Amino acid sequence: MSSQAGTVLIVDDDAALTDVYAAWLADDYPVETATSGAAALDVIDDHVDIVLLDRRMPGLSGDDVLAEIRADGHDCRVAMVTGVEPTTDVIAMGFDEYLVKPVDSDDLHRTVETLRDRLAYSDDLQELYALLSKRALLETDPDAADTDAYDDLDDRIDALRADLTDTVSEFSHDDFRAAFHDLTPQDPEGSANAN
């Protein structure tokens, strides 16, 4: 992450929609926009922490852009913001959150804030939250729960939870405090905020 932390890249082929989303977020975050998958890949670098990505775009689809982001090793959180209803195909995708359009300002702010929080998490914890998000999406489709892909998703969640529980249980009190120190808000004097 660069010194300009928190930049949000909004990617949608509807320029008017990217402008609306940017206007909603611009008071709180540095925002950039792209109206094609190719333009998004030209913009994304280490200063982009969060990507809001449409799935259906001409040329490079959002699915293609997401695959490229992950293949290139960009360490950013990605939310799909799309009119495409989720099916079990989302299980294999490398996104962190999934919003079905239409979305409002509160939806976007909540999602960006959630993803900003996750930037500080370990890779395993980020993966667990992404998988839990996918499972919550699929629970709205009764047919999805009866698939092998859904069962595999449940197994991955259980395995990650077990690994994380084992890791945390091995911490001494001082190790636990040190591991989570950076996640605790600090007051101006430097002591942990007691809220």
C-alpha atoms as a PDB file:
ATOM      1  CA  MET A   1       0.000   0.000   0.000  1.00  0.00           C
ATOM      2  CA  SER A   2       1.317   3.438  -0.906  1.00  0.00           C
ATOM      3  CA  SER A   3       1.222   6.634   1.101  1.00  0.00           C
ATOM      4  CA  GLN A   4      -1.979   7.574  -0.758  1.00  0.00           C
ATOM      5  CA  ALA A   5      -3.905   4.781   0.919  1.00  0.00           C
ATOM      6  CA  GLY A   6      -7.563   4.276   0.290  1.00  0.00           C
ATOM      7  CA  THR A   7      -7.930   5.092  -3.430  1.00  0.00           C
ATOM      8  CA  VAL A   8     -11.122   3.603  -4.828  1.00  0.00           C
ATOM      9  CA  LEU A   9     -11.245   2.664  -8.520  1.00  0.00           C
ATOM     10  CA  ILE A  10     -14.767   2.553  -9.954  1.00  0.00           C
ATOM     11  CA  VAL A  11     -15.087   0.501 -13.151  1.00  0.00           C
ATOM     12  CA  ASP A  12     -18.289   0.484 -15.204  1.00  0.00           C
ATOM     13  CA  ASP A  13     -18.962   1.002 -18.910  1.00  0.00           C
ATOM     14  CA  ASP A  14     -21.786   3.398 -17.964  1.00  0.00           C
ATOM     15  CA  ALA A  15     -19.889   6.694 -17.561  1.00  0.00           C
ATOM     16  CA  ALA A  16     -22.872   8.411 -15.940  1.00  0.00           C
ATOM     17  CA  LEU A  17     -23.006   5.685 -13.291  1.00  0.00           C
ATOM     18  CA  THR A  18     -19.264   5.898 -12.556  1.00  0.00           C
ATOM     19  CA  ASP A  19     -19.735   9.658 -12.122  1.00  0.00           C
ATOM     20  CA  VAL A  20     -22.593   9.117  -9.654  1.00  0.00           C
ATOM     21  CA  TYR A  21     -20.623   6.564  -7.634  1.00  0.00           C
ATOM     22  CA  ALA A  22     -17.570   8.849  -7.657  1.00  0.00           C
ATOM     23  CA  ALA A  23     -19.654  11.783  -6.427  1.00  0.00           C
ATOM     24  CA  TRP A  24     -21.030   9.660  -3.580  1.00  0.00           C
ATOM     25  CA  LEU A  25     -17.556   8.600  -2.429  1.00  0.00           C
ATOM     26  CA  ALA A  26     -15.337  11.580  -3.307  1.00  0.00           C
ATOM     27  CA  ASP A  27     -15.821  13.431  -0.010  1.00  0.00           C
ATOM     28  CA  ASP A  28     -14.382  10.475   1.907  1.00  0.00           C
ATOM     29  CA  TYR A  29     -11.918   8.761  -0.452  1.00  0.00           C
ATOM     30  CA  PRO A  30      -9.593   9.494  -3.338  1.00  0.00           C
ATOM     31  CA  VAL A  31     -11.536   8.163  -6.342  1.00  0.00           C
ATOM     32  CA  GLU A  32     -10.582   7.233  -9.895  1.00  0.00           C
ATOM     33  CA  THR A  33     -12.893   5.921 -12.604  1.00  0.00           C
ATOM     34  CA  ALA A  34     -12.552   3.759 -15.695  1.00  0.00           C
ATOM     35  CA  THR A  35     -15.246   3.008 -18.273  1.00  0.00           C
ATOM     36  CA  SER A  36     -13.729  -0.160 -19.722  1.00  0.00           C
ATOM     37  CA  GLY A  37     -11.860  -3.199 -18.513  1.00  0.00           C
ATOM     38  CA  ALA A  38      -8.757  -2.216 -20.480  1.00  0.00           C
ATOM     39  CA  ALA A  39      -8.788   1.295 -18.979  1.00  0.00           C
ATOM     40  CA  ALA A  40      -9.120  -0.202 -15.502  1.00  0.00           C
ATOM     41  CA  LEU A  41      -6.060  -2.387 -16.003  1.00  0.00           C
ATOM     42  CA  ASP A  42      -4.116   0.661 -17.228  1.00  0.00           C
ATOM     43  CA  VAL A  43      -5.036   2.599 -14.056  1.00  0.00           C
ATOM     44  CA  ILE A  44      -4.635  -0.051 -11.382  1.00  0.00           C
ATOM     45  CA  ASP A  45      -1.377  -0.044  -9.476  1.00  0.00           C
ATOM     46  CA  ASP A  46      -0.225  -0.004  -5.849  1.00  0.00           C
ATOM     47  CA  HIS A  47      -2.146   3.177  -4.987  1.00  0.00           C
ATOM     48  CA  VAL A  48      -5.509   1.492  -5.685  1.00  0.00           C
ATOM     49  CA  ASP A  49      -6.738  -0.266  -2.553  1.00  0.00           C
ATOM     50  CA  ILE A  50     -10.366  -0.932  -3.498  1.00  0.00           C
ATOM     51  CA  VAL A  51     -11.995  -1.682  -6.856  1.00  0.00           C
ATOM     52  CA  LEU A  52     -15.745  -1.455  -7.491  1.00  0.00           C
ATOM     53  CA  LEU A  53     -16.161  -3.533 -10.633  1.00  0.00           C
ATOM     54  CA  ASP A  54     -19.082  -4.143 -12.990  1.00  0.00           C
ATOM     55  CA  ARG A  55     -19.278  -7.677 -14.422  1.00  0.00           C
ATOM     56  CA  ARG A  56     -20.907  -6.931 -17.788  1.00  0.00           C
ATOM     57  CA  MET A  57     -18.799  -4.665 -19.951  1.00  0.00           C
ATOM     58  CA  PRO A  58     -17.963  -4.831 -23.654  1.00  0.00           C
ATOM     59  CA  GLY A  59     -14.453  -5.968 -24.469  1.00  0.00           C
ATOM     60  CA  LEU A  60     -12.884  -7.149 -21.219  1.00  0.00           C
ATOM     61  CA  SER A  61     -15.680  -8.158 -18.879  1.00  0.00           C
ATOM     62  CA  GLY A  62     -15.481  -7.515 -15.156  1.00  0.00           C
ATOM     63  CA  ASP A  63     -14.828 -11.225 -14.663  1.00  0.00           C
ATOM     64  CA  ASP A  64     -11.791 -10.929 -16.986  1.00  0.00           C
ATOM     65  CA  VAL A  65     -10.553  -7.797 -15.228  1.00  0.00           C
ATOM     66  CA  LEU A  66     -10.892  -9.486 -11.833  1.00  0.00           C
ATOM     67  CA  ALA A  67      -8.940 -12.513 -13.049  1.00  0.00           C
ATOM     68  CA  GLU A  68      -6.201 -10.214 -14.384  1.00  0.00           C
ATOM     69  CA  ILE A  69      -6.057  -8.225 -11.126  1.00  0.00           C
ATOM     70  CA  ARG A  70      -5.528 -11.437  -9.170  1.00  0.00           C
ATOM     71  CA  ALA A  71      -3.097 -12.942 -11.717  1.00  0.00           C
ATOM     72  CA  ASP A  72      -0.983  -9.771 -11.599  1.00  0.00           C
ATOM     73  CA  GLY A  73      -0.846  -9.974  -7.800  1.00  0.00           C
ATOM     74  CA  HIS A  74      -2.450  -6.604  -7.054  1.00  0.00           C
ATOM     75  CA  ASP A  75      -3.109  -6.439  -3.316  1.00  0.00           C
ATOM     76  CA  CYS A  76      -6.472  -4.711  -3.445  1.00  0.00           C
ATOM     77  CA  ARG A  77      -9.944  -5.630  -2.308  1.00  0.00           C
ATOM     78  CA  VAL A  78     -12.590  -5.997  -5.043  1.00  0.00           C
ATOM     79  CA  ALA A  79     -16.356  -5.654  -4.875  1.00  0.00           C
ATOM     80  CA  MET A  80     -18.402  -6.676  -7.875  1.00  0.00           C
ATOM     81  CA  VAL A  81     -21.159  -4.070  -8.368  1.00  0.00           C
ATOM     82  CA  THR A  82     -23.351  -5.562 -11.035  1.00  0.00           C
ATOM     83  CA  GLY A  83     -26.777  -6.355 -12.374  1.00  0.00           C
ATOM     84  CA  VAL A  84     -25.805 -10.031 -12.664  1.00  0.00           C
ATOM     85  CA  GLU A  85     -27.513 -12.194 -10.051  1.00  0.00           C
ATOM     86  CA  PRO A  86     -24.996 -14.516  -8.379  1.00  0.00           C
ATOM     87  CA  THR A  87     -24.928 -18.246  -9.074  1.00  0.00           C
ATOM     88  CA  THR A  88     -22.466 -20.916  -7.995  1.00  0.00           C
ATOM     89  CA  ASP A  89     -20.016 -19.552 -10.604  1.00  0.00           C
ATOM     90  CA  VAL A  90     -19.103 -16.825  -8.080  1.00  0.00           C
ATOM     91  CA  ILE A  91     -17.445 -19.368  -5.781  1.00  0.00           C
ATOM     92  CA  ALA A  92     -14.358 -19.572  -7.984  1.00  0.00           C
ATOM     93  CA  MET A  93     -14.091 -15.812  -8.478  1.00  0.00           C
ATOM     94  CA  GLY A  94     -11.560 -13.763  -6.515  1.00  0.00           C
ATOM     95  CA  PHE A  95     -13.798 -10.931  -5.299  1.00  0.00           C
ATOM     96  CA  ASP A  96     -14.346  -9.874  -1.685  1.00  0.00           C
ATOM     97  CA  GLU A  97     -17.920  -8.527  -1.811  1.00  0.00           C
ATOM     98  CA  TYR A  98     -20.779  -8.654  -4.316  1.00  0.00           C
ATOM     99  CA  LEU A  99     -23.483  -6.010  -4.713  1.00  0.00           C
ATOM    100  CA  VAL A 100     -26.429  -6.412  -7.080  1.00  0.00           C
ATOM    101  CA  LYS A 101     -27.559  -3.189  -8.761  1.00  0.00           C
ATOM    102  CA  PRO A 102     -29.262  -0.934  -8.109  1.00  0.00           C
ATOM    103  CA  VAL A 103     -27.147   0.214  -5.179  1.00  0.00           C
ATOM    104  CA  ASP A 104     -27.365   3.428  -3.218  1.00  0.00           C
ATOM    105  CA  SER A 105     -24.831   5.680  -1.529  1.00  0.00           C
ATOM    106  CA  ASP A 106     -25.159   3.861   1.799  1.00  0.00           C
ATOM    107  CA  ASP A 107     -24.510   0.487   0.107  1.00  0.00           C
ATOM    108  CA  LEU A 108     -21.327   1.799  -1.509  1.00  0.00           C
ATOM    109  CA  HIS A 109     -20.042   3.526   1.622  1.00  0.00           C
ATOM    110  CA  ARG A 110     -20.695   0.450   3.765  1.00  0.00           C
ATOM    111  CA  THR A 111     -18.944  -1.803   1.253  1.00  0.00           C
ATOM    112  CA  VAL A 112     -15.914   0.459   0.844  1.00  0.00           C
ATOM    113  CA  GLU A 113     -15.557   0.823   4.612  1.00  0.00           C
ATOM    114  CA  THR A 114     -15.775  -2.961   5.062  1.00  0.00           C
ATOM    115  CA  LEU A 115     -13.117  -3.515   2.414  1.00  0.00           C
ATOM    116  CA  ARG A 116     -10.868  -0.809   3.911  1.00  0.00           C
ATOM    117  CA  ASP A 117     -11.061  -2.615   7.261  1.00  0.00           C
ATOM    118  CA  ARG A 118     -10.119  -5.894   5.596  1.00  0.00           C
ATOM    119  CA  LEU A 119      -6.939  -4.416   4.112  1.00  0.00           C
ATOM    120  CA  ALA A 120      -5.340  -4.847   7.546  1.00  0.00           C
ATOM    121  CA  TYR A 121      -6.337  -8.514   7.876  1.00  0.00           C
ATOM    122  CA  SER A 122      -4.117 -11.497   7.175  1.00  0.00           C
ATOM    123  CA  ASP A 123      -4.554 -13.303   3.854  1.00  0.00           C
ATOM    124  CA  ASP A 124      -6.388 -16.173   5.562  1.00  0.00           C
ATOM    125  CA  LEU A 125      -8.800 -13.841   7.329  1.00  0.00           C
ATOM    126  CA  GLN A 126      -9.437 -11.902   4.100  1.00  0.00           C
ATOM    127  CA  GLU A 127     -10.148 -15.180   2.330  1.00  0.00           C
ATOM    128  CA  LEU A 128     -12.501 -16.305   5.106  1.00  0.00           C
ATOM    129  CA  TYR A 129     -14.538 -13.103   4.885  1.00  0.00           C
ATOM    130  CA  ALA A 130     -14.685 -13.353   1.073  1.00  0.00           C
ATOM    131  CA  LEU A 131     -15.917 -16.952   1.311  1.00  0.00           C
ATOM    132  CA  LEU A 132     -18.501 -16.040   3.958  1.00  0.00           C
ATOM    133  CA  SER A 133     -19.742 -13.271   1.661  1.00  0.00           C
ATOM    134  CA  LYS A 134     -20.110 -15.767  -1.199  1.00  0.00           C
ATOM    135  CA  ARG A 135     -21.983 -18.217   1.007  1.00  0.00           C
ATOM    136  CA  ALA A 136     -24.367 -15.470   2.161  1.00  0.00           C
ATOM    137  CA  LEU A 137     -25.006 -14.552  -1.488  1.00  0.00           C
ATOM    138  CA  LEU A 138     -25.774 -18.134  -2.442  1.00  0.00           C
ATOM    139  CA  GLU A 139     -28.054 -18.753   0.528  1.00  0.00           C
ATOM    140  CA  THR A 140     -30.670 -16.644  -1.267  1.00  0.00           C
ATOM    141  CA  ASP A 141     -30.825 -19.320  -4.000  1.00  0.00           C
ATOM    142  CA  PRO A 142     -32.269 -22.594  -2.640  1.00  0.00           C
ATOM    143  CA  ASP A 143     -30.862 -24.583  -5.573  1.00  0.00           C
ATOM    144  CA  ALA A 144     -27.293 -23.391  -4.897  1.00  0.00           C
ATOM    145  CA  ALA A 145     -27.181 -25.037  -1.470  1.00  0.00           C
ATOM    146  CA  ASP A 146     -27.730 -28.442  -3.061  1.00  0.00           C
ATOM    147  CA  THR A 147     -24.583 -28.382  -5.204  1.00  0.00           C
ATOM    148  CA  ASP A 148     -21.136 -29.882  -4.801  1.00  0.00           C
ATOM    149  CA  ALA A 149     -19.648 -26.402  -5.292  1.00  0.00           C
ATOM    150  CA  TYR A 150     -21.603 -25.103  -2.296  1.00  0.00           C
ATOM    151  CA  ASP A 151     -20.499 -28.099  -0.197  1.00  0.00           C
ATOM    152  CA  ASP A 152     -16.872 -27.411  -1.192  1.00  0.00           C
ATOM    153  CA  LEU A 153     -17.334 -23.773  -0.184  1.00  0.00           C
ATOM    154  CA  ASP A 154     -18.627 -24.849   3.241  1.00  0.00           C
ATOM    155  CA  ASP A 155     -15.645 -27.188   3.649  1.00  0.00           C
ATOM    156  CA  ARG A 156     -13.186 -24.388   2.794  1.00  0.00           C
ATOM    157  CA  ILE A 157     -14.865 -22.081   5.317  1.00  0.00           C
ATOM    158  CA  ASP A 158     -14.689 -24.745   8.034  1.00  0.00           C
ATOM    159  CA  ALA A 159     -11.014 -25.451   7.277  1.00  0.00           C
ATOM    160  CA  LEU A 160     -10.066 -21.761   7.355  1.00  0.00           C
ATOM    161  CA  ARG A 161     -11.963 -21.229  10.611  1.00  0.00           C
ATOM    162  CA  ALA A 162     -10.156 -24.188  12.158  1.00  0.00           C
ATOM    163  CA  ASP A 163      -6.747 -22.901  10.997  1.00  0.00           C
ATOM    164  CA  LEU A 164      -7.446 -19.419  12.317  1.00  0.00           C
ATOM    165  CA  THR A 165      -8.729 -20.773  15.637  1.00  0.00           C
ATOM    166  CA  ASP A 166      -5.600 -22.916  16.015  1.00  0.00           C
ATOM    167  CA  THR A 167      -3.362 -19.939  15.219  1.00  0.00           C
ATOM    168  CA  VAL A 168      -5.093 -17.639  17.701  1.00  0.00           C
ATOM    169  CA  SER A 169      -5.116 -20.311  20.433  1.00  0.00           C
ATOM    170  CA  GLU A 170      -1.325 -20.636  20.086  1.00  0.00           C
ATOM    171  CA  PHE A 171      -0.809 -16.925  20.843  1.00  0.00           C
ATOM    172  CA  SER A 172       0.382 -15.921  24.263  1.00  0.00           C
ATOM    173  CA  HIS A 173      -1.345 -12.849  25.697  1.00  0.00           C
ATOM    174  CA  ASP A 174       1.522 -10.614  24.498  1.00  0.00           C
ATOM    175  CA  ASP A 175       1.572 -12.248  21.052  1.00  0.00           C
ATOM    176  CA  PHE A 176      -2.167 -11.691  20.686  1.00  0.00           C
ATOM    177  CA  ARG A 177      -1.860  -8.018  21.669  1.00  0.00           C
ATOM    178  CA  ALA A 178       1.067  -7.512  19.293  1.00  0.00           C
ATOM    179  CA  ALA A 179      -0.703  -9.234  16.397  1.00  0.00           C
ATOM    180  CA  PHE A 180      -3.783  -7.045  16.707  1.00  0.00           C
ATOM    181  CA  HIS A 181      -2.127  -3.832  17.884  1.00  0.00           C
ATOM    182  CA  ASP A 182      -2.291  -2.208  14.434  1.00  0.00           C
ATOM    183  CA  LEU A 183      -6.020  -2.926  14.208  1.00  0.00           C
ATOM    184  CA  THR A 184      -6.752  -0.965  17.398  1.00  0.00           C
ATOM    185  CA  PRO A 185      -7.440   2.768  16.994  1.00  0.00           C
ATOM    186  CA  GLN A 186      -4.853   4.913  18.756  1.00  0.00           C
ATOM    187  CA  ASP A 187      -5.501   8.120  20.657  1.00  0.00           C
ATOM    188  CA  PRO A 188      -3.186  11.112  20.088  1.00  0.00           C
ATOM    189  CA  GLU A 189      -0.979  10.124  23.027  1.00  0.00           C
ATOM    190  CA  GLY A 190      -0.407   6.706  21.445  1.00  0.00           C
ATOM    191  CA  SER A 191      -2.224   4.491  23.923  1.00  0.00           C
ATOM    192  CA  ALA A 192      -4.957   2.194  22.649  1.00  0.00           C
ATOM    193  CA  ASN A 193      -8.403   3.716  22.465  1.00  0.00           C
ATOM    194  CA  ALA A 194     -10.571   2.183  25.135  1.00  0.00           C
ATOM    195  CA  ASN A 195     -13.809   2.294  23.102  1.00  0.00           C
END
